[in-house]
Amino acid sequence: MKHLLSATAVSLVMMAGAASAQTVLTVANWLPPSHPLVSEVVVPMTEQIEEATGGSVTTNILPAPLGPPPAHFDFAVNGVADITFGVQGYSAGRFKTTNLGELPFLGDSAEATSVAYWRTWEKFLEPAGEYNGVKVLGVFTHGPGEIFLKDGDATDPGLLEGTKIRVGGGFVHEIASELGAVPVEGPSSKAYELLSQGVADGIFFPYESVNFFKLIPQLNVGVSVPGGLYNTSFFIVMNQAKWDSLTPEQQEQIDSVTGEALARMAGQMWDRADAKGLAAMEGEIAVTPATDEQMAAWSAALEPIVAEKMAEVTAAGVDAQAAYEFFKAEIAKETAGE
């Protein structure tokens, strides 16, 4: 009996040791679980982290939002959650280097743009120190932002003049203003309400979002902009102290499934979702490619704001022109499959 008790005690001690060696990362989420950013990026990322670390690091996606979307970067900085994701543009004026990822006319594939953006962030943008306090697991963009309206002449260069356009804030707000629109800010979750109540006449959104937020019945006109009228930059980050508490081996294992791999997975998700969204519009929204005249007019109108945004990147301590040229070259390589 003594031997049995001793063996049991040893077993319990070993089990307790194994349990204490396992690290559980809390993951904050502010989107519906069905949103593809959650179901096809955040959830697979957590599964890959657990698999890569052999189960020594596990995750717990919190069932309810901890607070509003703009607060999530600081939730990671302050350790309210171990991993958070969000949109840099929700924190007005805080992130200057993300201007590069949100410039107009960058590319038509979220995968190509996201992978190129991560490479540019690593090579040029990280030293600016905008993400101090966190370990950056990934930066990426959604698919190209397009124009959707209740009514209007889709081929008119002055299509947006005086039109109330729902925007998410940040750079896209300024783009709307430069093109003569009246920006109406509001979260994505309020887009249907803004359109249905006449507060907004249209919206700047990728195809995915128009479909996901069930806006198709509210809209009749779409203009697809080559390269996108804008992009929205996203982050996924981990609290720095939590990252530092992991072993070098665990850090290497997590690095192997995040970074560029995470940017690629996110970009592929947005591309799939955009294709699904565009297909859902068939017969419901007339989507017309922007004309050469429109592109010339809009490019000219946006030149001053693009120069201003590039100057902000320079002020952050980055060689903005070199970073931009590298970014564009990497997008071209990814698009060509190189």
C-alpha atoms as a PDB file:
ATOM      1  CA  MET A   1       0.000   0.000   0.000  1.00  0.00           C
ATOM      2  CA  LYS A   2       2.883   2.353   0.862  1.00  0.00           C
ATOM      3  CA  HIS A   3       4.422   1.716  -2.542  1.00  0.00           C
ATOM      4  CA  LEU A   4       1.048   2.379  -4.199  1.00  0.00           C
ATOM      5  CA  LEU A   5       0.604   5.666  -2.309  1.00  0.00           C
ATOM      6  CA  SER A   6       4.147   6.724  -3.131  1.00  0.00           C
ATOM      7  CA  ALA A   7       3.632   5.958  -6.819  1.00  0.00           C
ATOM      8  CA  THR A   8       0.369   7.873  -6.791  1.00  0.00           C
ATOM      9  CA  ALA A   9       2.001  10.864  -5.108  1.00  0.00           C
ATOM     10  CA  VAL A  10       4.836  10.894  -7.640  1.00  0.00           C
ATOM     11  CA  SER A  11       2.314  10.661 -10.470  1.00  0.00           C
ATOM     12  CA  LEU A  12       0.319  13.586  -9.099  1.00  0.00           C
ATOM     13  CA  VAL A  13       3.451  15.705  -8.733  1.00  0.00           C
ATOM     14  CA  MET A  14       4.457  14.921 -12.307  1.00  0.00           C
ATOM     15  CA  MET A  15       0.972  15.786 -13.575  1.00  0.00           C
ATOM     16  CA  ALA A  16       1.015  19.069 -11.658  1.00  0.00           C
ATOM     17  CA  GLY A  17       4.428  19.868 -13.104  1.00  0.00           C
ATOM     18  CA  ALA A  18       3.220  19.181 -16.631  1.00  0.00           C
ATOM     19  CA  ALA A  19       0.159  21.327 -16.083  1.00  0.00           C
ATOM     20  CA  SER A  20       2.201  24.230 -14.726  1.00  0.00           C
ATOM     21  CA  ALA A  21       4.564  23.983 -17.705  1.00  0.00           C
ATOM     22  CA  GLN A  22       1.703  24.564 -20.125  1.00  0.00           C
ATOM     23  CA  THR A  23       1.130  28.201 -21.082  1.00  0.00           C
ATOM     24  CA  VAL A  24      -2.401  29.323 -21.911  1.00  0.00           C
ATOM     25  CA  LEU A  25      -2.706  32.453 -24.048  1.00  0.00           C
ATOM     26  CA  THR A  26      -5.934  34.443 -23.825  1.00  0.00           C
ATOM     27  CA  VAL A  27      -7.099  35.764 -27.206  1.00  0.00           C
ATOM     28  CA  ALA A  28      -9.460  38.735 -27.358  1.00  0.00           C
ATOM     29  CA  ASN A  29     -12.114  38.906 -30.068  1.00  0.00           C
ATOM     30  CA  TRP A  30     -14.523  41.718 -30.968  1.00  0.00           C
ATOM     31  CA  LEU A  31     -16.023  40.246 -34.146  1.00  0.00           C
ATOM     32  CA  PRO A  32     -18.828  37.693 -34.558  1.00  0.00           C
ATOM     33  CA  PRO A  33     -17.400  34.149 -34.428  1.00  0.00           C
ATOM     34  CA  SER A  34     -18.720  33.604 -37.962  1.00  0.00           C
ATOM     35  CA  HIS A  35     -16.658  36.441 -39.422  1.00  0.00           C
ATOM     36  CA  PRO A  36     -13.952  34.953 -41.673  1.00  0.00           C
ATOM     37  CA  LEU A  37     -11.226  36.934 -39.907  1.00  0.00           C
ATOM     38  CA  VAL A  38     -12.095  34.914 -36.810  1.00  0.00           C
ATOM     39  CA  SER A  39     -13.095  31.552 -38.286  1.00  0.00           C
ATOM     40  CA  GLU A  40     -10.458  31.413 -41.045  1.00  0.00           C
ATOM     41  CA  VAL A  41      -7.536  33.331 -39.520  1.00  0.00           C
ATOM     42  CA  VAL A  42      -7.622  33.742 -35.741  1.00  0.00           C
ATOM     43  CA  VAL A  43      -8.923  30.243 -34.970  1.00  0.00           C
ATOM     44  CA  PRO A  44      -6.513  28.460 -37.379  1.00  0.00           C
ATOM     45  CA  MET A  45      -3.655  30.592 -36.030  1.00  0.00           C
ATOM     46  CA  THR A  46      -4.352  29.439 -32.479  1.00  0.00           C
ATOM     47  CA  GLU A  47      -4.546  25.826 -33.638  1.00  0.00           C
ATOM     48  CA  GLN A  48      -1.239  26.180 -35.469  1.00  0.00           C
ATOM     49  CA  ILE A  49       0.402  27.700 -32.386  1.00  0.00           C
ATOM     50  CA  GLU A  50      -0.738  24.757 -30.273  1.00  0.00           C
ATOM     51  CA  GLU A  51       0.432  22.259 -32.900  1.00  0.00           C
ATOM     52  CA  ALA A  52       3.781  23.967 -33.500  1.00  0.00           C
ATOM     53  CA  THR A  53       4.571  24.035 -29.780  1.00  0.00           C
ATOM     54  CA  GLY A  54       3.510  20.435 -29.254  1.00  0.00           C
ATOM     55  CA  GLY A  55       0.766  21.569 -26.915  1.00  0.00           C
ATOM     56  CA  SER A  56       3.089  23.395 -24.519  1.00  0.00           C
ATOM     57  CA  VAL A  57       1.334  26.625 -25.513  1.00  0.00           C
ATOM     58  CA  THR A  58      -2.451  26.559 -25.782  1.00  0.00           C
ATOM     59  CA  THR A  59      -4.992  29.292 -26.351  1.00  0.00           C
ATOM     60  CA  ASN A  60      -8.354  30.435 -25.065  1.00  0.00           C
ATOM     61  CA  ILE A  61     -10.413  32.692 -27.343  1.00  0.00           C
ATOM     62  CA  LEU A  62     -12.556  34.809 -25.042  1.00  0.00           C
ATOM     63  CA  PRO A  63     -16.310  34.376 -25.623  1.00  0.00           C
ATOM     64  CA  ALA A  64     -17.234  38.067 -25.342  1.00  0.00           C
ATOM     65  CA  PRO A  65     -15.525  41.336 -26.330  1.00  0.00           C
ATOM     66  CA  LEU A  66     -13.422  42.969 -23.633  1.00  0.00           C
ATOM     67  CA  GLY A  67     -14.219  46.405 -25.003  1.00  0.00           C
ATOM     68  CA  PRO A  68     -14.531  48.425 -28.208  1.00  0.00           C
ATOM     69  CA  PRO A  69     -12.332  47.553 -31.214  1.00  0.00           C
ATOM     70  CA  PRO A  70     -10.019  50.617 -30.871  1.00  0.00           C
ATOM     71  CA  ALA A  71      -9.020  49.509 -27.354  1.00  0.00           C
ATOM     72  CA  HIS A  72      -7.598  46.177 -28.412  1.00  0.00           C
ATOM     73  CA  PHE A  73      -4.033  47.236 -29.140  1.00  0.00           C
ATOM     74  CA  ASP A  74      -3.722  48.621 -25.608  1.00  0.00           C
ATOM     75  CA  PHE A  75      -5.365  45.487 -24.231  1.00  0.00           C
ATOM     76  CA  ALA A  76      -2.304  43.631 -25.524  1.00  0.00           C
ATOM     77  CA  VAL A  77       0.160  46.292 -24.334  1.00  0.00           C
ATOM     78  CA  ASN A  78      -1.308  46.237 -20.825  1.00  0.00           C
ATOM     79  CA  GLY A  79      -1.792  42.468 -20.635  1.00  0.00           C
ATOM     80  CA  VAL A  80      -5.587  42.590 -20.401  1.00  0.00           C
ATOM     81  CA  ALA A  81      -5.387  39.840 -23.038  1.00  0.00           C
ATOM     82  CA  ASP A  82      -2.317  38.020 -24.311  1.00  0.00           C
ATOM     83  CA  ILE A  83      -3.190  38.214 -28.018  1.00  0.00           C
ATOM     84  CA  THR A  84      -5.372  40.800 -29.729  1.00  0.00           C
ATOM     85  CA  PHE A  85      -6.132  41.864 -33.274  1.00  0.00           C
ATOM     86  CA  GLY A  86      -7.464  45.076 -34.717  1.00  0.00           C
ATOM     87  CA  VAL A  87      -7.262  47.905 -37.201  1.00  0.00           C
ATOM     88  CA  GLN A  88      -4.500  50.470 -36.763  1.00  0.00           C
ATOM     89  CA  GLY A  89      -6.692  53.165 -38.301  1.00  0.00           C
ATOM     90  CA  TYR A  90      -9.132  52.891 -35.399  1.00  0.00           C
ATOM     91  CA  SER A  91      -6.478  54.651 -33.267  1.00  0.00           C
ATOM     92  CA  ALA A  92      -6.293  57.980 -35.095  1.00  0.00           C
ATOM     93  CA  GLY A  93      -2.783  59.410 -35.349  1.00  0.00           C
ATOM     94  CA  ARG A  94      -1.090  56.587 -33.446  1.00  0.00           C
ATOM     95  CA  PHE A  95       0.321  54.543 -36.315  1.00  0.00           C
ATOM     96  CA  LYS A  96       2.023  56.464 -39.122  1.00  0.00           C
ATOM     97  CA  THR A  97       3.868  53.647 -40.882  1.00  0.00           C
ATOM     98  CA  THR A  98       0.605  51.878 -41.704  1.00  0.00           C
ATOM     99  CA  ASN A  99      -0.013  54.674 -44.221  1.00  0.00           C
ATOM    100  CA  LEU A 100       2.021  52.606 -46.677  1.00  0.00           C
ATOM    101  CA  GLY A 101      -0.328  49.648 -46.425  1.00  0.00           C
ATOM    102  CA  GLU A 102      -3.415  51.781 -46.980  1.00  0.00           C
ATOM    103  CA  LEU A 103      -2.350  53.797 -50.037  1.00  0.00           C
ATOM    104  CA  PRO A 104      -4.669  53.756 -53.061  1.00  0.00           C
ATOM    105  CA  PHE A 105      -4.144  51.644 -56.171  1.00  0.00           C
ATOM    106  CA  LEU A 106      -1.711  49.144 -54.599  1.00  0.00           C
ATOM    107  CA  GLY A 107      -3.028  45.841 -55.947  1.00  0.00           C
ATOM    108  CA  ASP A 108      -6.004  43.591 -56.558  1.00  0.00           C
ATOM    109  CA  SER A 109      -5.006  40.645 -54.339  1.00  0.00           C
ATOM    110  CA  ALA A 110      -5.109  40.796 -50.557  1.00  0.00           C
ATOM    111  CA  GLU A 111      -2.673  37.879 -50.424  1.00  0.00           C
ATOM    112  CA  ALA A 112      -0.058  39.624 -52.568  1.00  0.00           C
ATOM    113  CA  THR A 113      -0.482  42.926 -50.737  1.00  0.00           C
ATOM    114  CA  SER A 114      -0.448  41.331 -47.274  1.00  0.00           C
ATOM    115  CA  VAL A 115       2.692  39.271 -47.862  1.00  0.00           C
ATOM    116  CA  ALA A 116       4.455  42.278 -49.390  1.00  0.00           C
ATOM    117  CA  TYR A 117       3.279  44.439 -46.485  1.00  0.00           C
ATOM    118  CA  TRP A 118       4.722  42.039 -43.909  1.00  0.00           C
ATOM    119  CA  ARG A 119       8.058  41.963 -45.725  1.00  0.00           C
ATOM    120  CA  THR A 120       8.065  45.762 -45.884  1.00  0.00           C
ATOM    121  CA  TRP A 121       7.198  45.997 -42.200  1.00  0.00           C
ATOM    122  CA  GLU A 122      10.082  43.715 -41.261  1.00  0.00           C
ATOM    123  CA  LYS A 123      12.621  45.471 -43.490  1.00  0.00           C
ATOM    124  CA  PHE A 124      11.618  49.119 -43.130  1.00  0.00           C
ATOM    125  CA  LEU A 125       8.809  49.801 -40.672  1.00  0.00           C
ATOM    126  CA  GLU A 126       9.576  47.813 -37.515  1.00  0.00           C
ATOM    127  CA  PRO A 127      12.449  50.111 -36.400  1.00  0.00           C
ATOM    128  CA  ALA A 128      10.004  53.033 -36.111  1.00  0.00           C
ATOM    129  CA  GLY A 129       8.989  51.544 -32.751  1.00  0.00           C
ATOM    130  CA  GLU A 130       5.247  52.036 -33.126  1.00  0.00           C
ATOM    131  CA  TYR A 131       4.586  48.573 -31.705  1.00  0.00           C
ATOM    132  CA  ASN A 132       6.682  48.849 -28.551  1.00  0.00           C
ATOM    133  CA  GLY A 133       5.080  46.834 -25.775  1.00  0.00           C
ATOM    134  CA  VAL A 134       3.943  44.008 -28.015  1.00  0.00           C
ATOM    135  CA  LYS A 135       5.319  41.206 -30.149  1.00  0.00           C
ATOM    136  CA  VAL A 136       3.906  41.651 -33.647  1.00  0.00           C
ATOM    137  CA  LEU A 137       2.595  38.315 -34.911  1.00  0.00           C
ATOM    138  CA  GLY A 138       1.315  39.729 -38.175  1.00  0.00           C
ATOM    139  CA  VAL A 139       0.303  42.759 -40.204  1.00  0.00           C
ATOM    140  CA  PHE A 140      -1.851  42.432 -43.312  1.00  0.00           C
ATOM    141  CA  THR A 141      -4.532  44.185 -45.351  1.00  0.00           C
ATOM    142  CA  HIS A 142      -8.006  43.299 -46.504  1.00  0.00           C
ATOM    143  CA  GLY A 143      -8.893  43.203 -50.183  1.00  0.00           C
ATOM    144  CA  PRO A 144      -9.082  46.329 -52.325  1.00  0.00           C
ATOM    145  CA  GLY A 145     -11.642  48.873 -51.185  1.00  0.00           C
ATOM    146  CA  GLU A 146     -14.339  49.619 -53.748  1.00  0.00           C
ATOM    147  CA  ILE A 147     -17.172  52.146 -54.127  1.00  0.00           C
ATOM    148  CA  PHE A 148     -20.824  51.232 -53.521  1.00  0.00           C
ATOM    149  CA  LEU A 149     -23.793  53.592 -53.795  1.00  0.00           C
ATOM    150  CA  LYS A 150     -27.560  53.521 -53.656  1.00  0.00           C
ATOM    151  CA  ASP A 151     -27.745  55.448 -56.929  1.00  0.00           C
ATOM    152  CA  GLY A 152     -25.548  57.331 -59.382  1.00  0.00           C
ATOM    153  CA  ASP A 153     -23.814  57.260 -62.740  1.00  0.00           C
ATOM    154  CA  ALA A 154     -21.071  54.670 -62.262  1.00  0.00           C
ATOM    155  CA  THR A 155     -18.951  56.217 -65.037  1.00  0.00           C
ATOM    156  CA  ASP A 156     -19.036  59.831 -63.811  1.00  0.00           C
ATOM    157  CA  PRO A 157     -15.653  61.149 -62.538  1.00  0.00           C
ATOM    158  CA  GLY A 158     -17.659  63.383 -60.166  1.00  0.00           C
ATOM    159  CA  LEU A 159     -19.660  60.426 -58.884  1.00  0.00           C
ATOM    160  CA  LEU A 160     -18.772  61.070 -55.245  1.00  0.00           C
ATOM    161  CA  GLU A 161     -19.171  64.841 -55.054  1.00  0.00           C
ATOM    162  CA  GLY A 162     -21.558  65.704 -52.232  1.00  0.00           C
ATOM    163  CA  THR A 163     -22.336  62.038 -51.593  1.00  0.00           C
ATOM    164  CA  LYS A 164     -22.519  60.878 -47.977  1.00  0.00           C
ATOM    165  CA  ILE A 165     -20.153  57.910 -47.695  1.00  0.00           C
ATOM    166  CA  ARG A 166     -19.833  55.661 -44.675  1.00  0.00           C
ATOM    167  CA  VAL A 167     -16.153  55.204 -43.810  1.00  0.00           C
ATOM    168  CA  GLY A 168     -14.324  53.537 -40.959  1.00  0.00           C
ATOM    169  CA  GLY A 169     -12.089  56.504 -40.146  1.00  0.00           C
ATOM    170  CA  GLY A 170      -8.390  57.139 -40.617  1.00  0.00           C
ATOM    171  CA  PHE A 171      -6.916  57.386 -44.098  1.00  0.00           C
ATOM    172  CA  VAL A 172     -10.120  56.344 -45.883  1.00  0.00           C
ATOM    173  CA  HIS A 173     -11.938  59.292 -44.295  1.00  0.00           C
ATOM    174  CA  GLU A 174      -9.419  61.629 -45.910  1.00  0.00           C
ATOM    175  CA  ILE A 175      -9.672  59.832 -49.264  1.00  0.00           C
ATOM    176  CA  ALA A 176     -13.441  60.331 -49.233  1.00  0.00           C
ATOM    177  CA  SER A 177     -13.016  64.029 -48.468  1.00  0.00           C
ATOM    178  CA  GLU A 178     -10.444  64.548 -51.227  1.00  0.00           C
ATOM    179  CA  LEU A 179     -12.836  63.002 -53.755  1.00  0.00           C
ATOM    180  CA  GLY A 180     -15.605  65.415 -52.768  1.00  0.00           C
ATOM    181  CA  ALA A 181     -17.652  63.043 -50.635  1.00  0.00           C
ATOM    182  CA  VAL A 182     -19.045  63.769 -47.181  1.00  0.00           C
ATOM    183  CA  PRO A 183     -17.521  61.147 -44.834  1.00  0.00           C
ATOM    184  CA  VAL A 184     -19.890  59.538 -42.343  1.00  0.00           C
ATOM    185  CA  GLU A 185     -17.931  57.623 -39.715  1.00  0.00           C
ATOM    186  CA  GLY A 186     -19.326  54.558 -38.034  1.00  0.00           C
ATOM    187  CA  PRO A 187     -18.298  50.987 -37.211  1.00  0.00           C
ATOM    188  CA  SER A 188     -18.933  48.252 -39.752  1.00  0.00           C
ATOM    189  CA  SER A 189     -21.673  46.837 -37.554  1.00  0.00           C
ATOM    190  CA  LYS A 190     -23.650  50.084 -37.988  1.00  0.00           C
ATOM    191  CA  ALA A 191     -23.290  50.234 -41.791  1.00  0.00           C
ATOM    192  CA  TYR A 192     -26.716  48.708 -42.500  1.00  0.00           C
ATOM    193  CA  GLU A 193     -28.384  51.145 -40.141  1.00  0.00           C
ATOM    194  CA  LEU A 194     -26.600  54.154 -41.675  1.00  0.00           C
ATOM    195  CA  LEU A 195     -27.604  53.138 -45.191  1.00  0.00           C
ATOM    196  CA  SER A 196     -31.164  52.052 -44.438  1.00  0.00           C
ATOM    197  CA  GLN A 197     -31.939  55.238 -42.507  1.00  0.00           C
ATOM    198  CA  GLY A 198     -30.494  57.502 -45.189  1.00  0.00           C
ATOM    199  CA  VAL A 199     -27.642  58.763 -43.032  1.00  0.00           C
ATOM    200  CA  ALA A 200     -25.257  57.508 -45.733  1.00  0.00           C
ATOM    201  CA  ASP A 201     -25.775  57.313 -49.499  1.00  0.00           C
ATOM    202  CA  GLY A 202     -23.049  54.754 -50.018  1.00  0.00           C
ATOM    203  CA  ILE A 203     -20.014  53.059 -48.576  1.00  0.00           C
ATOM    204  CA  PHE A 204     -16.365  52.328 -49.268  1.00  0.00           C
ATOM    205  CA  PHE A 205     -15.927  48.598 -48.613  1.00  0.00           C
ATOM    206  CA  PRO A 206     -14.337  45.473 -50.056  1.00  0.00           C
ATOM    207  CA  TYR A 207     -16.716  42.982 -51.662  1.00  0.00           C
ATOM    208  CA  GLU A 208     -16.495  40.711 -48.627  1.00  0.00           C
ATOM    209  CA  SER A 209     -17.806  43.291 -46.194  1.00  0.00           C
ATOM    210  CA  VAL A 210     -20.773  44.352 -48.336  1.00  0.00           C
ATOM    211  CA  ASN A 211     -21.862  40.721 -48.374  1.00  0.00           C
ATOM    212  CA  PHE A 212     -21.034  39.834 -44.756  1.00  0.00           C
ATOM    213  CA  PHE A 213     -22.854  42.830 -43.293  1.00  0.00           C
ATOM    214  CA  LYS A 214     -25.884  42.133 -45.535  1.00  0.00           C
ATOM    215  CA  LEU A 215     -25.730  45.459 -47.367  1.00  0.00           C
ATOM    216  CA  ILE A 216     -26.547  44.165 -50.865  1.00  0.00           C
ATOM    217  CA  PRO A 217     -30.285  45.053 -50.632  1.00  0.00           C
ATOM    218  CA  GLN A 218     -29.326  48.638 -49.736  1.00  0.00           C
ATOM    219  CA  LEU A 219     -27.051  49.235 -52.734  1.00  0.00           C
ATOM    220  CA  ASN A 220     -27.494  49.339 -56.499  1.00  0.00           C
ATOM    221  CA  VAL A 221     -24.262  50.734 -57.948  1.00  0.00           C
ATOM    222  CA  GLY A 222     -20.712  49.446 -57.567  1.00  0.00           C
ATOM    223  CA  VAL A 223     -17.454  50.765 -59.016  1.00  0.00           C
ATOM    224  CA  SER A 224     -14.446  48.442 -58.963  1.00  0.00           C
ATOM    225  CA  VAL A 225     -11.244  50.469 -58.726  1.00  0.00           C
ATOM    226  CA  PRO A 226      -8.112  48.884 -60.259  1.00  0.00           C
ATOM    227  CA  GLY A 227      -5.675  48.331 -57.396  1.00  0.00           C
ATOM    228  CA  GLY A 228      -8.320  49.391 -54.887  1.00  0.00           C
ATOM    229  CA  LEU A 229      -9.329  52.884 -53.815  1.00  0.00           C
ATOM    230  CA  TYR A 230      -7.795  52.086 -50.432  1.00  0.00           C
ATOM    231  CA  ASN A 231      -6.756  49.208 -48.201  1.00  0.00           C
ATOM    232  CA  THR A 232      -7.263  48.717 -44.492  1.00  0.00           C
ATOM    233  CA  SER A 233      -4.327  47.568 -42.379  1.00  0.00           C
ATOM    234  CA  PHE A 234      -4.763  45.021 -39.578  1.00  0.00           C
ATOM    235  CA  PHE A 235      -2.512  43.784 -36.781  1.00  0.00           C
ATOM    236  CA  ILE A 236      -2.308  40.674 -34.615  1.00  0.00           C
ATOM    237  CA  VAL A 237      -0.074  41.182 -31.582  1.00  0.00           C
ATOM    238  CA  MET A 238       0.972  39.528 -28.324  1.00  0.00           C
ATOM    239  CA  ASN A 239       1.764  41.159 -25.001  1.00  0.00           C
ATOM    240  CA  GLN A 240       5.546  41.595 -24.858  1.00  0.00           C
ATOM    241  CA  ALA A 241       5.941  40.301 -21.306  1.00  0.00           C
ATOM    242  CA  LYS A 242       3.965  37.183 -22.185  1.00  0.00           C
ATOM    243  CA  TRP A 243       6.142  36.655 -25.257  1.00  0.00           C
ATOM    244  CA  ASP A 244       9.295  37.108 -23.164  1.00  0.00           C
ATOM    245  CA  SER A 245       8.022  34.496 -20.692  1.00  0.00           C
ATOM    246  CA  LEU A 246       8.045  31.820 -23.391  1.00  0.00           C
ATOM    247  CA  THR A 247      11.102  29.671 -23.957  1.00  0.00           C
ATOM    248  CA  PRO A 248      13.334  30.420 -26.966  1.00  0.00           C
ATOM    249  CA  GLU A 249      12.130  27.144 -28.478  1.00  0.00           C
ATOM    250  CA  GLN A 250       8.472  28.120 -28.067  1.00  0.00           C
ATOM    251  CA  GLN A 251       9.166  31.538 -29.569  1.00  0.00           C
ATOM    252  CA  GLU A 252      10.836  29.950 -32.581  1.00  0.00           C
ATOM    253  CA  GLN A 253       7.918  27.549 -32.988  1.00  0.00           C
ATOM    254  CA  ILE A 254       5.366  30.378 -32.890  1.00  0.00           C
ATOM    255  CA  ASP A 255       7.438  32.451 -35.315  1.00  0.00           C
ATOM    256  CA  SER A 256       7.264  29.545 -37.763  1.00  0.00           C
ATOM    257  CA  VAL A 257       3.463  29.831 -38.073  1.00  0.00           C
ATOM    258  CA  THR A 258       3.054  33.602 -37.773  1.00  0.00           C
ATOM    259  CA  GLY A 259       4.733  36.526 -39.538  1.00  0.00           C
ATOM    260  CA  GLU A 260       4.694  36.029 -43.299  1.00  0.00           C
ATOM    261  CA  ALA A 261       2.789  32.737 -42.989  1.00  0.00           C
ATOM    262  CA  LEU A 262       0.050  34.490 -41.018  1.00  0.00           C
ATOM    263  CA  ALA A 263      -0.058  37.418 -43.463  1.00  0.00           C
ATOM    264  CA  ARG A 264      -0.448  34.973 -46.346  1.00  0.00           C
ATOM    265  CA  MET A 265      -3.228  33.049 -44.603  1.00  0.00           C
ATOM    266  CA  ALA A 266      -5.085  36.280 -43.837  1.00  0.00           C
ATOM    267  CA  GLY A 267      -4.680  37.566 -47.385  1.00  0.00           C
ATOM    268  CA  GLN A 268      -5.926  34.299 -48.850  1.00  0.00           C
ATOM    269  CA  MET A 269      -8.958  34.491 -46.583  1.00  0.00           C
ATOM    270  CA  TRP A 270      -9.814  38.008 -47.761  1.00  0.00           C
ATOM    271  CA  ASP A 271      -9.420  36.975 -51.402  1.00  0.00           C
ATOM    272  CA  ARG A 272     -11.786  34.018 -50.939  1.00  0.00           C
ATOM    273  CA  ALA A 273     -14.281  36.183 -49.087  1.00  0.00           C
ATOM    274  CA  ASP A 274     -14.116  38.907 -51.753  1.00  0.00           C
ATOM    275  CA  ALA A 275     -14.796  36.369 -54.506  1.00  0.00           C
ATOM    276  CA  LYS A 276     -17.788  35.085 -52.546  1.00  0.00           C
ATOM    277  CA  GLY A 277     -19.016  38.634 -51.957  1.00  0.00           C
ATOM    278  CA  LEU A 278     -18.729  39.607 -55.616  1.00  0.00           C
ATOM    279  CA  ALA A 279     -20.609  36.466 -56.661  1.00  0.00           C
ATOM    280  CA  ALA A 280     -23.414  37.323 -54.227  1.00  0.00           C
ATOM    281  CA  MET A 281     -23.859  40.702 -55.936  1.00  0.00           C
ATOM    282  CA  GLU A 282     -24.637  39.185 -59.323  1.00  0.00           C
ATOM    283  CA  GLY A 283     -28.040  40.403 -60.464  1.00  0.00           C
ATOM    284  CA  GLU A 284     -28.327  42.651 -57.399  1.00  0.00           C
ATOM    285  CA  ILE A 285     -25.607  45.310 -57.714  1.00  0.00           C
ATOM    286  CA  ALA A 286     -24.295  46.482 -61.082  1.00  0.00           C
ATOM    287  CA  VAL A 287     -20.510  46.512 -60.585  1.00  0.00           C
ATOM    288  CA  THR A 288     -18.688  48.546 -63.239  1.00  0.00           C
ATOM    289  CA  PRO A 289     -14.903  48.951 -63.633  1.00  0.00           C
ATOM    290  CA  ALA A 290     -13.718  52.517 -63.094  1.00  0.00           C
ATOM    291  CA  THR A 291     -13.111  54.306 -66.399  1.00  0.00           C
ATOM    292  CA  ASP A 292      -9.750  55.705 -67.479  1.00  0.00           C
ATOM    293  CA  GLU A 293     -11.208  59.193 -67.030  1.00  0.00           C
ATOM    294  CA  GLN A 294     -12.257  58.403 -63.468  1.00  0.00           C
ATOM    295  CA  MET A 295      -8.882  56.892 -62.607  1.00  0.00           C
ATOM    296  CA  ALA A 296      -7.034  59.916 -63.976  1.00  0.00           C
ATOM    297  CA  ALA A 297      -9.249  62.320 -62.042  1.00  0.00           C
ATOM    298  CA  TRP A 298      -9.101  60.360 -58.795  1.00  0.00           C
ATOM    299  CA  SER A 299      -5.340  59.773 -59.000  1.00  0.00           C
ATOM    300  CA  ALA A 300      -4.761  63.506 -59.478  1.00  0.00           C
ATOM    301  CA  ALA A 301      -7.126  64.393 -56.638  1.00  0.00           C
ATOM    302  CA  LEU A 302      -5.387  62.002 -54.254  1.00  0.00           C
ATOM    303  CA  GLU A 303      -1.793  63.025 -55.059  1.00  0.00           C
ATOM    304  CA  PRO A 304      -1.615  65.662 -52.286  1.00  0.00           C
ATOM    305  CA  ILE A 305      -2.895  63.331 -49.594  1.00  0.00           C
ATOM    306  CA  VAL A 306      -0.600  60.514 -50.732  1.00  0.00           C
ATOM    307  CA  ALA A 307       2.348  62.932 -50.481  1.00  0.00           C
ATOM    308  CA  GLU A 308       1.166  63.966 -47.021  1.00  0.00           C
ATOM    309  CA  LYS A 309       0.913  60.355 -45.860  1.00  0.00           C
ATOM    310  CA  MET A 310       4.352  59.556 -47.235  1.00  0.00           C
ATOM    311  CA  ALA A 311       5.732  62.556 -45.320  1.00  0.00           C
ATOM    312  CA  GLU A 312       4.219  61.146 -42.121  1.00  0.00           C
ATOM    313  CA  VAL A 313       6.011  57.847 -42.746  1.00  0.00           C
ATOM    314  CA  THR A 314       9.266  59.755 -43.242  1.00  0.00           C
ATOM    315  CA  ALA A 315       8.661  61.671 -40.001  1.00  0.00           C
ATOM    316  CA  ALA A 316       8.373  58.321 -38.212  1.00  0.00           C
ATOM    317  CA  GLY A 317      12.018  57.685 -39.114  1.00  0.00           C
ATOM    318  CA  VAL A 318      11.460  55.540 -42.198  1.00  0.00           C
ATOM    319  CA  ASP A 319      12.853  55.992 -45.711  1.00  0.00           C
ATOM    320  CA  ALA A 320       9.328  56.232 -47.073  1.00  0.00           C
ATOM    321  CA  GLN A 321      10.204  56.248 -50.759  1.00  0.00           C
ATOM    322  CA  ALA A 322      12.507  53.237 -50.470  1.00  0.00           C
ATOM    323  CA  ALA A 323       9.883  51.389 -48.423  1.00  0.00           C
ATOM    324  CA  TYR A 324       7.167  52.228 -50.956  1.00  0.00           C
ATOM    325  CA  GLU A 325       9.255  51.076 -53.918  1.00  0.00           C
ATOM    326  CA  PHE A 326      10.150  47.842 -52.103  1.00  0.00           C
ATOM    327  CA  PHE A 327       6.486  47.308 -51.180  1.00  0.00           C
ATOM    328  CA  LYS A 328       5.303  47.768 -54.764  1.00  0.00           C
ATOM    329  CA  ALA A 329       8.048  45.486 -56.090  1.00  0.00           C
ATOM    330  CA  GLU A 330       7.098  42.755 -53.613  1.00  0.00           C
ATOM    331  CA  ILE A 331       3.416  43.077 -54.558  1.00  0.00           C
ATOM    332  CA  ALA A 332       4.390  42.678 -58.215  1.00  0.00           C
ATOM    333  CA  LYS A 333       6.508  39.591 -57.425  1.00  0.00           C
ATOM    334  CA  GLU A 334       3.739  37.970 -55.398  1.00  0.00           C
ATOM    335  CA  THR A 335       1.147  38.793 -58.043  1.00  0.00           C
ATOM    336  CA  ALA A 336       3.350  37.197 -60.694  1.00  0.00           C
ATOM    337  CA  GLY A 337       3.831  34.123 -58.503  1.00  0.00           C
ATOM    338  CA  GLU A 338       7.575  34.625 -58.140  1.00  0.00           C
END
